[in-house]
Amino acid sequence: MLPQLAAVRIEGVQVGTELIRILARTRDGVSVACPGCGLSSDWLHSRYVRHVADEAVGGRPVVIDLSVRRLYCENPQCPKTTFVEQTDGLTVRYQRRTPALQRLLGAVAVALAGKTGIRLLPHLHQLVSCSTLLTMLMALKLPAPPVPRVLGVDDFALRRGHRYATILIDVMTHARVDVLPDRTAGTLITWLGTHPGVEIVCRDGSASYAQAISDALPDAVQISDRWYLWHNLAAAVEKTVSAHAACWRTAAPEATPGSRNERVLQRHAAVHESLEAGVSLCETGRRLGLALNTVKRYARVGDPEQLIRPPQYRRCLVDPFRDHLRERRAAGPVATTTLLAEIRVLGYTGSPNLLVRYLEQGRAEESPVDPSVRRLTSWIMTDPDHLAVEPGAHRDKLTALCPEMTALTGHVTAFAKLLAHHEHHAGEHAALQEWIEAVSADDLPALHGFVRGLVKDRAAVQAGLDLPYSNGTTEGINNKTKLLKRQTYGRAGFALLRQRILLN
């Protein structure tokens, strides 16, 4: 039951209600290697008792009172005159816990860190302080993975908006390689210079990382992550949809008194009035009580109608019966009570007031309400095969009202096909260039900015389209890092956070 005690002699066991105490003694006449010179000796100097804590047994902590020998070293050249014997699996030099208990506490420290860990330990019948747990965590040896052939590089926030760090992972094995204290090019160049062997680097669109990799590894292949390409394209599409809102909106949303749209119009007018008077962006935000980014957003928009949103309706119990309501109302006037009775038979379980409000809002009419800019953008960015029939038809109807919107939808579909095929056949590398030329030929200024970014990082973008590697695993580790930070209430220093990242 207690294999760690096989090498010692048990002299007694004291079983109490709160503690189990085992009295043990090392065996006499056994030669032990000197830690200074390695020469074995059994020349007894003296004995003393060590009190070693062990894992709990039967819901009670265990303490081993172990009598150990102090031995003389028989090598006159050895710097150690005497030394204390150690028992494998039971004692470690300068430790008052068995290796098994050390591993248990270390695992808790890695998973939960300080204060969160000590809340779990009483259930394991162990009591240590928060400082002890963190000391044990920092003393754990970090893994030393080999330098990866495919390296993933990404940054994460130590303090959002102020300080950032860089995480490096092996894209093939998903192993954490290292964590750098900042995201500057110089730090990454130093690391790459001292760790040769990297052939491929997956990164985001950061110019700092791109320059650092080019300087340190001019022959390495850089891969621009496909998720960031799609994300940047979505931002450009949203700007285009907003700029052409007057084309696809069938009716201007109303700014009723007290509504959000009315507040938006008032804020837009106040921001532009302040800026026209020569007030800076920061001072405008302070005077109006708005965040700086909010002031910038209002300042960029000249036409306030672009900020007005149509009403957003959530799904309700009437939605499954929308087609029936449309057909009945299209055939001629019909009383609401009659419609209620009919859909009750079909399975409607909602209230009469819900049906009345549904009909008054016009949600049962043939022409659905215009979506918001962001909603229409999401429809355009969604695979048509994954889009419901009604939103898909509504999207096609709106994008057909404007030549630029029609061209935009075609460009998004074409770029999605480029991202979907990671392995291109010979001669298909010109597909990206053809897409760039097609976009440049249309009057889509927002997409032109996206294209300029692609051209500037052309080699990395092409590698991202051709090769199967991505930075998705690095993003997943960054997501777990947020959990590690929250467990320490965001107060963990870089050294502790780095230790936990590399050990998790």
Protein backbone atom coordinates (compact mmCIF):
# COMPACT_ATOMS: atom_id res chain seq x y z
CA MET A 1 0.00 0.00 0.00
CA LEU A 2 2.93 2.36 0.69
CA PRO A 3 5.68 1.39 -1.78
CA GLN A 4 7.76 4.45 -0.87
CA LEU A 5 8.43 2.81 2.53
CA ALA A 6 9.80 -0.44 1.09
CA ALA A 7 13.43 0.61 1.62
CA VAL A 8 13.02 1.55 5.31
CA ARG A 9 12.07 -0.31 8.48
CA ILE A 10 8.68 0.54 10.00
CA GLU A 11 8.82 0.82 13.78
CA GLY A 12 5.27 1.97 14.47
CA VAL A 13 2.13 3.66 13.22
CA GLN A 14 0.10 6.12 15.24
CA VAL A 15 -3.42 6.57 13.85
CA GLY A 16 -5.32 9.60 15.12
CA THR A 17 -8.55 11.27 14.15
CA GLU A 18 -6.71 14.14 12.41
CA LEU A 19 -3.33 12.63 11.46
CA ILE A 20 -1.50 9.41 10.69
CA ARG A 21 2.10 9.35 11.95
CA ILE A 22 4.46 6.64 10.72
CA LEU A 23 7.66 5.94 12.65
CA ALA A 24 10.38 4.60 10.36
CA ARG A 25 14.13 4.06 10.33
CA THR A 26 16.67 3.55 7.55
CA ARG A 27 18.54 0.27 7.58
CA ASP A 28 22.05 0.01 9.06
CA GLY A 29 24.98 -1.36 7.13
CA VAL A 30 23.75 -0.12 3.72
CA SER A 31 26.38 1.78 1.72
CA VAL A 32 25.33 5.14 0.30
CA ALA A 33 27.08 7.17 -2.42
CA CYS A 34 28.49 10.51 -1.29
CA PRO A 35 26.86 13.43 -3.17
CA GLY A 36 30.25 15.21 -3.29
CA CYS A 37 32.54 12.58 -4.82
CA GLY A 38 30.30 9.56 -5.49
CA LEU A 39 32.29 7.17 -3.26
CA SER A 40 30.07 4.77 -1.27
CA SER A 41 30.27 4.76 2.49
CA ASP A 42 28.50 3.16 5.51
CA TRP A 43 30.66 4.77 8.23
CA LEU A 44 28.09 6.05 10.72
CA HIS A 45 28.53 9.51 12.20
CA SER A 46 25.11 9.95 13.91
CA ARG A 47 21.36 9.78 13.43
CA TYR A 48 18.55 12.32 13.54
CA VAL A 49 14.82 12.33 12.77
CA ARG A 50 13.33 13.99 9.70
CA HIS A 51 9.61 14.82 9.64
CA VAL A 52 8.40 14.28 6.07
CA ALA A 53 4.83 14.99 4.94
CA ASP A 54 3.25 12.50 2.54
CA GLU A 55 0.01 12.12 0.58
CA ALA A 56 -3.18 11.63 2.59
CA VAL A 57 -4.41 8.12 3.40
CA GLY A 58 -8.04 7.46 4.29
CA GLY A 59 -8.86 11.17 4.33
CA ARG A 60 -6.11 12.00 6.88
CA PRO A 61 -2.72 13.64 6.31
CA VAL A 62 0.36 11.47 6.76
CA VAL A 63 3.63 12.47 8.44
CA ILE A 64 6.63 10.13 8.38
CA ASP A 65 9.08 10.46 11.26
CA LEU A 66 12.13 9.01 9.57
CA SER A 67 15.37 8.34 11.44
CA VAL A 68 18.20 8.84 8.94
CA ARG A 69 21.97 8.37 9.17
CA ARG A 70 24.66 10.97 8.83
CA LEU A 71 27.72 9.24 7.36
CA TYR A 72 31.38 10.04 7.08
CA CYS A 73 32.85 10.31 3.59
CA GLU A 74 35.84 7.94 3.38
CA ASN A 75 37.49 9.94 0.60
CA PRO A 76 40.02 12.34 2.18
CA GLN A 77 39.96 14.52 -0.96
CA CYS A 78 36.20 15.03 -0.87
CA PRO A 79 35.07 18.53 0.19
CA LYS A 80 32.25 16.94 2.23
CA THR A 81 33.32 15.49 5.56
CA THR A 82 29.86 14.10 6.33
CA PHE A 83 26.63 13.72 4.44
CA VAL A 84 23.06 12.55 5.07
CA GLU A 85 21.63 9.58 3.25
CA GLN A 86 18.54 9.99 1.03
CA THR A 87 15.86 7.37 0.40
CA ASP A 88 14.57 7.08 -3.16
CA GLY A 89 10.90 7.96 -3.44
CA LEU A 90 10.74 9.16 0.15
CA THR A 91 13.21 11.97 0.83
CA VAL A 92 14.85 14.73 -1.18
CA ARG A 93 17.62 16.99 0.04
CA TYR A 94 16.30 20.11 1.83
CA GLN A 95 12.67 18.98 1.32
CA ARG A 96 10.08 18.25 4.01
CA ARG A 97 7.67 16.58 1.60
CA THR A 98 7.87 13.31 -0.29
CA PRO A 99 8.32 13.44 -4.07
CA ALA A 100 4.76 12.15 -4.52
CA LEU A 101 3.35 15.02 -2.46
CA GLN A 102 5.60 17.47 -4.28
CA ARG A 103 4.18 16.30 -7.61
CA LEU A 104 0.62 16.64 -6.31
CA LEU A 105 1.14 20.19 -5.06
CA GLY A 106 3.03 21.09 -8.24
CA ALA A 107 0.14 19.89 -10.41
CA VAL A 108 -2.32 22.00 -8.39
CA ALA A 109 -0.02 25.03 -8.66
CA VAL A 110 0.30 24.65 -12.43
CA ALA A 111 -3.44 24.30 -12.95
CA LEU A 112 -4.75 26.82 -10.41
CA ALA A 113 -1.79 28.92 -9.20
CA GLY A 114 -1.85 30.52 -5.74
CA LYS A 115 -5.10 31.54 -4.06
CA THR A 116 -7.27 29.37 -6.28
CA GLY A 117 -5.03 26.38 -5.55
CA ILE A 118 -5.11 26.72 -1.78
CA ARG A 119 -8.91 26.64 -1.88
CA LEU A 120 -8.71 23.18 -3.46
CA LEU A 121 -5.97 21.69 -1.25
CA PRO A 122 -8.11 21.27 1.92
CA HIS A 123 -10.26 18.83 -0.06
CA LEU A 124 -7.04 16.88 -0.72
CA HIS A 125 -6.24 17.09 3.01
CA GLN A 126 -3.22 19.31 2.49
CA LEU A 127 -2.63 22.76 3.96
CA VAL A 128 0.02 25.07 2.50
CA SER A 129 0.19 28.82 2.06
CA CYS A 130 -0.29 30.72 -1.17
CA SER A 131 3.36 31.78 -1.16
CA THR A 132 4.53 28.18 -0.74
CA LEU A 133 2.42 27.06 -3.67
CA LEU A 134 3.79 29.83 -5.91
CA THR A 135 7.35 29.06 -4.80
CA MET A 136 6.85 25.43 -5.77
CA LEU A 137 5.39 26.52 -9.11
CA MET A 138 8.37 28.73 -9.92
CA ALA A 139 10.78 25.92 -8.94
CA LEU A 140 9.32 23.48 -11.46
CA LYS A 141 11.59 22.72 -14.37
CA LEU A 142 10.33 24.03 -17.70
CA PRO A 143 10.17 21.66 -20.68
CA ALA A 144 12.85 22.08 -23.31
CA PRO A 145 11.17 21.27 -26.65
CA PRO A 146 13.34 21.19 -29.78
CA VAL A 147 13.37 24.19 -32.08
CA PRO A 148 10.33 23.68 -34.33
CA ARG A 149 10.52 23.58 -38.11
CA VAL A 150 7.14 25.39 -38.32
CA LEU A 151 6.90 28.19 -35.77
CA GLY A 152 3.74 30.06 -34.75
CA VAL A 153 4.13 33.66 -33.54
CA ASP A 154 1.43 35.83 -31.97
CA ASP A 155 1.06 38.50 -29.32
CA PHE A 156 -1.21 38.67 -26.27
CA ALA A 157 -2.00 41.41 -23.81
CA LEU A 158 -0.33 41.57 -20.42
CA ARG A 159 -2.26 44.77 -19.80
CA ARG A 160 -4.64 45.51 -22.63
CA GLY A 161 -3.71 48.64 -24.52
CA HIS A 162 -0.46 49.11 -22.61
CA ARG A 163 1.81 46.04 -22.48
CA TYR A 164 1.98 42.99 -24.73
CA ALA A 165 4.04 39.81 -24.87
CA THR A 166 4.81 37.29 -27.62
CA ILE A 167 4.11 33.57 -27.53
CA LEU A 168 5.94 31.04 -29.73
CA ILE A 169 4.56 27.56 -30.39
CA ASP A 170 5.34 24.52 -32.51
CA VAL A 171 2.59 24.50 -35.13
CA MET A 172 3.02 20.78 -35.82
CA THR A 173 2.95 19.47 -32.21
CA HIS A 174 1.12 22.42 -30.56
CA ALA A 175 3.83 22.53 -27.88
CA ARG A 176 4.63 25.85 -26.21
CA VAL A 177 8.16 26.84 -27.16
CA ASP A 178 8.76 30.15 -25.38
CA VAL A 179 7.15 33.38 -24.19
CA LEU A 180 8.89 36.69 -24.89
CA PRO A 181 8.39 39.72 -22.60
CA ASP A 182 7.29 42.12 -25.38
CA ARG A 183 6.30 42.18 -29.04
CA THR A 184 9.15 44.27 -30.45
CA ALA A 185 11.11 43.22 -33.50
CA GLY A 186 14.44 43.26 -31.64
CA THR A 187 13.34 40.69 -29.06
CA LEU A 188 12.06 38.31 -31.74
CA ILE A 189 15.23 38.76 -33.81
CA THR A 190 17.37 37.86 -30.79
CA TRP A 191 15.34 34.71 -30.10
CA LEU A 192 15.40 33.54 -33.73
CA GLY A 193 19.15 34.19 -33.89
CA THR A 194 19.83 31.98 -30.86
CA HIS A 195 17.48 29.18 -31.95
CA PRO A 196 18.42 28.13 -35.49
CA GLY A 197 16.33 25.58 -37.37
CA VAL A 198 13.09 27.43 -38.06
CA GLU A 199 12.04 27.08 -41.70
CA ILE A 200 8.40 28.30 -41.74
CA VAL A 201 6.81 31.01 -39.58
CA CYS A 202 3.05 31.51 -39.21
CA ARG A 203 2.07 35.02 -38.12
CA ASP A 204 -0.65 37.64 -38.34
CA GLY A 205 -0.41 40.82 -40.41
CA SER A 206 1.96 42.55 -37.98
CA ALA A 207 4.61 44.55 -39.83
CA SER A 208 6.90 44.33 -36.79
CA TYR A 209 6.91 40.53 -36.81
CA ALA A 210 7.28 40.43 -40.60
CA GLN A 211 10.36 42.68 -40.51
CA ALA A 212 11.91 40.75 -37.61
CA ILE A 213 11.52 37.42 -39.40
CA SER A 214 12.93 38.85 -42.63
CA ASP A 215 15.97 40.24 -40.81
CA ALA A 216 16.69 37.13 -38.72
CA LEU A 217 15.66 34.41 -41.21
CA PRO A 218 15.79 35.79 -44.76
CA ASP A 219 15.31 32.29 -46.23
CA ALA A 220 12.35 31.32 -44.04
CA VAL A 221 8.86 31.09 -45.50
CA GLN A 222 6.40 33.48 -43.85
CA ILE A 223 2.71 32.55 -43.77
CA SER A 224 0.04 35.19 -43.27
CA ASP A 225 -2.78 33.55 -41.33
CA ARG A 226 -5.93 33.00 -43.37
CA TRP A 227 -8.23 34.02 -40.50
CA TYR A 228 -6.69 37.49 -40.43
CA LEU A 229 -7.04 37.79 -44.20
CA TRP A 230 -10.75 36.99 -43.94
CA HIS A 231 -11.16 39.29 -40.91
CA ASN A 232 -9.53 42.22 -42.72
CA LEU A 233 -11.67 41.57 -45.79
CA ALA A 234 -14.80 41.64 -43.60
CA ALA A 235 -13.80 45.06 -42.25
CA ALA A 236 -13.40 46.37 -45.80
CA VAL A 237 -16.74 44.85 -46.84
CA GLU A 238 -18.52 46.50 -43.91
CA LYS A 239 -17.13 49.90 -44.92
CA THR A 240 -18.36 49.36 -48.48
CA VAL A 241 -21.82 48.25 -47.34
CA SER A 242 -22.08 51.31 -45.12
CA ALA A 243 -20.94 53.64 -47.93
CA HIS A 244 -23.65 52.27 -50.26
CA ALA A 245 -26.44 52.15 -47.67
CA ALA A 246 -28.45 54.68 -49.66
CA CYS A 247 -28.52 52.23 -52.60
CA TRP A 248 -29.83 49.12 -50.87
CA ARG A 249 -32.00 50.60 -48.14
CA THR A 250 -35.60 50.60 -49.30
CA ALA A 251 -36.76 52.85 -46.45
CA ALA A 252 -34.83 55.12 -44.15
CA PRO A 253 -35.04 54.04 -40.51
CA GLU A 254 -36.99 56.38 -38.32
CA ALA A 255 -35.43 58.37 -35.47
CA THR A 256 -38.35 58.42 -33.08
CA PRO A 257 -38.12 60.62 -29.95
CA GLY A 258 -36.12 58.93 -27.23
CA SER A 259 -34.84 56.16 -29.50
CA ARG A 260 -31.25 55.14 -30.03
CA ASN A 261 -31.28 56.58 -33.55
CA GLU A 262 -32.26 60.00 -32.21
CA ARG A 263 -29.36 59.90 -29.72
CA VAL A 264 -26.97 58.92 -32.49
CA LEU A 265 -28.04 61.89 -34.63
CA GLN A 266 -27.65 64.26 -31.69
CA ARG A 267 -24.18 62.94 -30.85
CA HIS A 268 -23.09 63.10 -34.51
CA ALA A 269 -24.19 66.74 -34.74
CA ALA A 270 -22.49 67.63 -31.45
CA VAL A 271 -19.21 65.97 -32.45
CA HIS A 272 -19.06 67.68 -35.86
CA GLU A 273 -20.04 71.03 -34.35
CA SER A 274 -17.20 70.72 -31.83
CA LEU A 275 -14.65 69.67 -34.44
CA GLU A 276 -15.64 72.50 -36.80
CA ALA A 277 -15.00 74.92 -33.92
CA GLY A 278 -11.38 73.71 -33.80
CA VAL A 279 -11.67 71.49 -30.72
CA SER A 280 -9.43 68.39 -30.72
CA LEU A 281 -10.77 64.84 -30.69
CA CYS A 282 -9.69 64.19 -27.10
CA GLU A 283 -11.17 67.45 -25.81
CA THR A 284 -14.39 66.77 -27.73
CA GLY A 285 -14.68 63.40 -26.02
CA ARG A 286 -14.12 64.99 -22.60
CA ARG A 287 -16.72 67.69 -23.20
CA LEU A 288 -19.36 65.31 -24.50
CA GLY A 289 -18.56 62.44 -22.17
CA LEU A 290 -17.72 60.07 -25.03
CA ALA A 291 -14.84 57.66 -25.51
CA LEU A 292 -12.13 58.68 -27.95
CA ASN A 293 -12.92 55.81 -30.33
CA THR A 294 -16.59 56.83 -30.36
CA VAL A 295 -15.65 60.40 -31.28
CA LYS A 296 -13.40 59.10 -34.07
CA ARG A 297 -16.20 56.92 -35.42
CA TYR A 298 -18.62 59.85 -35.57
CA ALA A 299 -15.94 62.12 -37.06
CA ARG A 300 -15.23 59.70 -39.93
CA VAL A 301 -18.88 59.61 -41.02
CA GLY A 302 -20.04 62.66 -42.95
CA ASP A 303 -23.63 61.57 -43.58
CA PRO A 304 -25.38 60.83 -40.27
CA GLU A 305 -27.93 58.64 -42.06
CA GLN A 306 -25.21 55.98 -42.35
CA LEU A 307 -25.28 55.60 -38.56
CA ILE A 308 -29.03 55.03 -38.35
CA ARG A 309 -29.94 51.40 -37.75
CA PRO A 310 -33.22 49.73 -38.66
CA PRO A 311 -35.10 47.96 -35.86
CA GLN A 312 -33.64 44.59 -34.87
CA TYR A 313 -36.21 41.90 -34.17
CA ARG A 314 -35.42 38.70 -32.35
CA ARG A 315 -36.96 35.39 -33.23
CA CYS A 316 -40.36 34.83 -31.62
CA LEU A 317 -43.13 32.24 -31.53
CA VAL A 318 -44.86 33.73 -34.60
CA ASP A 319 -41.90 33.23 -36.98
CA PRO A 320 -42.73 29.59 -37.93
CA PHE A 321 -46.14 30.75 -39.18
CA ARG A 322 -44.94 33.77 -41.19
CA ASP A 323 -45.59 32.13 -44.59
CA HIS A 324 -49.16 31.26 -43.63
CA LEU A 325 -49.82 34.81 -42.44
CA ARG A 326 -48.41 36.27 -45.67
CA GLU A 327 -50.56 34.03 -47.84
CA ARG A 328 -53.74 34.82 -45.92
CA ARG A 329 -53.13 38.59 -45.87
CA ALA A 330 -52.20 38.59 -49.57
CA ALA A 331 -55.53 36.97 -50.47
CA GLY A 332 -57.50 39.84 -48.90
CA PRO A 333 -58.38 41.54 -45.62
CA VAL A 334 -58.69 39.11 -42.74
CA ALA A 335 -59.33 39.71 -39.06
CA THR A 336 -56.52 39.19 -36.60
CA THR A 337 -58.74 36.94 -34.48
CA THR A 338 -59.24 34.70 -37.50
CA LEU A 339 -55.47 34.50 -38.11
CA LEU A 340 -54.93 33.71 -34.44
CA ALA A 341 -57.41 30.85 -34.55
CA GLU A 342 -55.81 29.44 -37.69
CA ILE A 343 -52.26 29.43 -36.39
CA ARG A 344 -53.49 28.04 -33.05
CA VAL A 345 -54.60 24.99 -34.99
CA LEU A 346 -51.14 24.84 -36.62
CA GLY A 347 -49.41 24.83 -33.23
CA TYR A 348 -49.00 28.46 -32.17
CA THR A 349 -48.67 28.76 -28.37
CA GLY A 350 -48.02 32.49 -27.98
CA SER A 351 -50.32 35.25 -26.81
CA PRO A 352 -52.71 37.33 -28.98
CA ASN A 353 -50.76 40.50 -28.12
CA LEU A 354 -47.59 38.98 -29.59
CA LEU A 355 -49.37 38.30 -32.89
CA VAL A 356 -50.84 41.82 -32.98
CA ARG A 357 -47.47 43.43 -32.35
CA TYR A 358 -45.88 41.16 -34.97
CA LEU A 359 -48.37 42.27 -37.61
CA GLU A 360 -48.14 45.98 -36.67
CA GLN A 361 -44.35 45.89 -37.04
CA GLY A 362 -44.76 44.67 -40.61
CA ARG A 363 -42.84 41.48 -40.04
CA ALA A 364 -45.44 39.42 -41.88
CA GLU A 365 -45.27 41.52 -45.04
CA GLU A 366 -43.74 40.25 -48.27
CA SER A 367 -40.89 42.76 -48.10
CA PRO A 368 -38.79 42.07 -44.99
CA VAL A 369 -37.32 44.90 -42.96
CA ASP A 370 -33.93 46.15 -44.15
CA PRO A 371 -31.04 44.65 -42.14
CA SER A 372 -28.38 46.67 -40.38
CA VAL A 373 -25.01 47.27 -42.04
CA ARG A 374 -23.36 44.66 -39.88
CA ARG A 375 -26.11 42.10 -40.51
CA LEU A 376 -25.92 42.55 -44.29
CA THR A 377 -22.13 42.30 -44.08
CA SER A 378 -22.43 38.98 -42.26
CA TRP A 379 -24.82 37.71 -44.93
CA ILE A 380 -22.35 38.64 -47.67
CA MET A 381 -19.45 37.00 -45.78
CA THR A 382 -21.40 33.77 -45.16
CA ASP A 383 -21.22 30.79 -47.49
CA PRO A 384 -24.54 30.75 -49.43
CA ASP A 385 -24.87 27.03 -48.67
CA HIS A 386 -24.78 27.82 -44.95
CA LEU A 387 -27.26 30.70 -45.10
CA ALA A 388 -30.98 30.20 -44.52
CA VAL A 389 -33.28 30.57 -47.49
CA GLU A 390 -34.95 33.80 -46.40
CA PRO A 391 -31.76 35.76 -45.48
CA GLY A 392 -30.12 34.45 -48.65
CA ALA A 393 -32.95 35.70 -50.86
CA HIS A 394 -33.03 39.01 -49.00
CA ARG A 395 -29.28 39.43 -49.48
CA ASP A 396 -29.48 38.69 -53.19
CA LYS A 397 -32.29 41.20 -53.55
CA LEU A 398 -30.42 44.00 -51.79
CA THR A 399 -27.05 43.44 -53.45
CA ALA A 400 -28.70 43.43 -56.89
CA LEU A 401 -29.94 47.01 -56.37
CA CYS A 402 -26.42 48.49 -56.71
CA PRO A 403 -23.68 47.53 -59.23
CA GLU A 404 -20.97 48.09 -56.64
CA MET A 405 -22.74 45.81 -54.15
CA THR A 406 -23.14 43.14 -56.82
CA ALA A 407 -19.44 43.36 -57.63
CA LEU A 408 -18.59 43.28 -53.92
CA THR A 409 -20.50 40.03 -53.41
CA GLY A 410 -18.72 38.45 -56.36
CA HIS A 411 -15.30 39.45 -55.07
CA VAL A 412 -16.04 38.03 -51.62
CA THR A 413 -17.15 34.73 -53.14
CA ALA A 414 -14.03 34.54 -55.30
CA PHE A 415 -11.71 35.28 -52.37
CA ALA A 416 -13.48 32.63 -50.27
CA LYS A 417 -12.67 30.07 -52.97
CA LEU A 418 -9.01 31.10 -52.81
CA LEU A 419 -8.95 30.55 -49.05
CA ALA A 420 -10.76 27.22 -49.29
CA HIS A 421 -8.13 25.58 -51.51
CA HIS A 422 -4.86 25.22 -49.62
CA GLU A 423 -3.15 23.07 -52.28
CA HIS A 424 -3.12 24.66 -55.73
CA HIS A 425 -2.16 22.91 -58.93
CA ALA A 426 0.47 24.26 -61.29
CA GLY A 427 -0.55 27.48 -62.96
CA GLU A 428 -3.13 28.45 -60.32
CA HIS A 429 -0.81 30.83 -58.44
CA ALA A 430 -2.03 33.56 -60.77
CA ALA A 431 -5.51 33.33 -59.23
CA LEU A 432 -4.64 35.81 -56.46
CA GLN A 433 -3.24 38.28 -59.01
CA GLU A 434 -6.37 37.97 -61.12
CA TRP A 435 -8.52 38.66 -58.04
CA ILE A 436 -6.43 41.73 -57.18
CA GLU A 437 -6.75 43.08 -60.71
CA ALA A 438 -10.52 42.46 -60.74
CA VAL A 439 -11.00 44.35 -57.46
CA SER A 440 -8.78 47.21 -58.60
CA ALA A 441 -10.92 47.65 -61.73
CA ASP A 442 -14.09 48.35 -59.68
CA ASP A 443 -14.98 51.50 -57.77
CA LEU A 444 -14.58 50.00 -54.29
CA PRO A 445 -12.21 52.24 -52.28
CA ALA A 446 -12.42 50.20 -49.07
CA LEU A 447 -11.45 47.01 -50.91
CA HIS A 448 -8.62 48.87 -52.62
CA GLY A 449 -7.09 49.49 -49.19
CA PHE A 450 -7.36 45.78 -48.43
CA VAL A 451 -5.71 44.97 -51.75
CA ARG A 452 -2.81 47.33 -51.03
CA GLY A 453 -2.19 45.37 -47.82
CA LEU A 454 -2.17 42.10 -49.78
CA VAL A 455 0.30 43.45 -52.32
CA LYS A 456 2.60 44.75 -49.59
CA ASP A 457 2.71 41.30 -47.95
CA ARG A 458 2.25 39.34 -51.17
CA ALA A 459 4.68 36.46 -50.51
CA ALA A 460 3.25 35.69 -47.07
CA VAL A 461 -0.32 35.91 -48.36
CA GLN A 462 0.41 33.54 -51.23
CA ALA A 463 2.08 31.11 -48.81
CA GLY A 464 -0.99 31.30 -46.58
CA LEU A 465 -3.19 30.34 -49.54
CA ASP A 466 -0.90 27.54 -50.71
CA LEU A 467 0.31 25.87 -47.50
CA PRO A 468 -1.86 24.02 -44.95
CA TYR A 469 -0.34 25.72 -41.88
CA SER A 470 -2.13 28.40 -39.88
CA ASN A 471 -1.90 30.29 -36.61
CA GLY A 472 -5.12 28.83 -35.24
CA THR A 473 -3.36 26.83 -32.54
CA THR A 474 -1.55 29.93 -31.31
CA GLU A 475 -4.86 31.76 -31.05
CA GLY A 476 -6.24 28.86 -29.01
CA ILE A 477 -3.33 29.09 -26.58
CA ASN A 478 -3.89 32.84 -26.33
CA ASN A 479 -7.49 32.13 -25.40
CA LYS A 480 -6.34 29.79 -22.62
CA THR A 481 -3.88 32.45 -21.46
CA LYS A 482 -6.85 34.70 -20.69
CA LEU A 483 -8.13 32.02 -18.32
CA LEU A 484 -4.72 31.78 -16.63
CA LYS A 485 -4.70 35.55 -16.15
CA ARG A 486 -8.19 35.58 -14.65
CA GLN A 487 -7.28 32.86 -12.16
CA THR A 488 -4.69 35.25 -10.72
CA TYR A 489 -7.08 38.21 -11.01
CA GLY A 490 -4.81 39.76 -13.66
CA ARG A 491 -2.08 40.45 -11.07
CA ALA A 492 0.43 37.80 -12.12
CA GLY A 493 3.84 39.15 -13.09
CA PHE A 494 5.38 38.16 -16.39
CA ALA A 495 7.66 35.50 -14.85
CA LEU A 496 4.76 33.69 -13.14
CA LEU A 497 2.50 33.95 -16.19
CA ARG A 498 5.28 32.64 -18.45
CA GLN A 499 5.83 29.69 -16.10
CA ARG A 500 2.16 28.76 -16.18
CA ILE A 501 1.84 29.13 -19.96
CA LEU A 502 4.81 26.88 -20.66
CA LEU A 503 3.78 24.26 -18.08
CA ASN A 504 0.10 24.10 -19.09
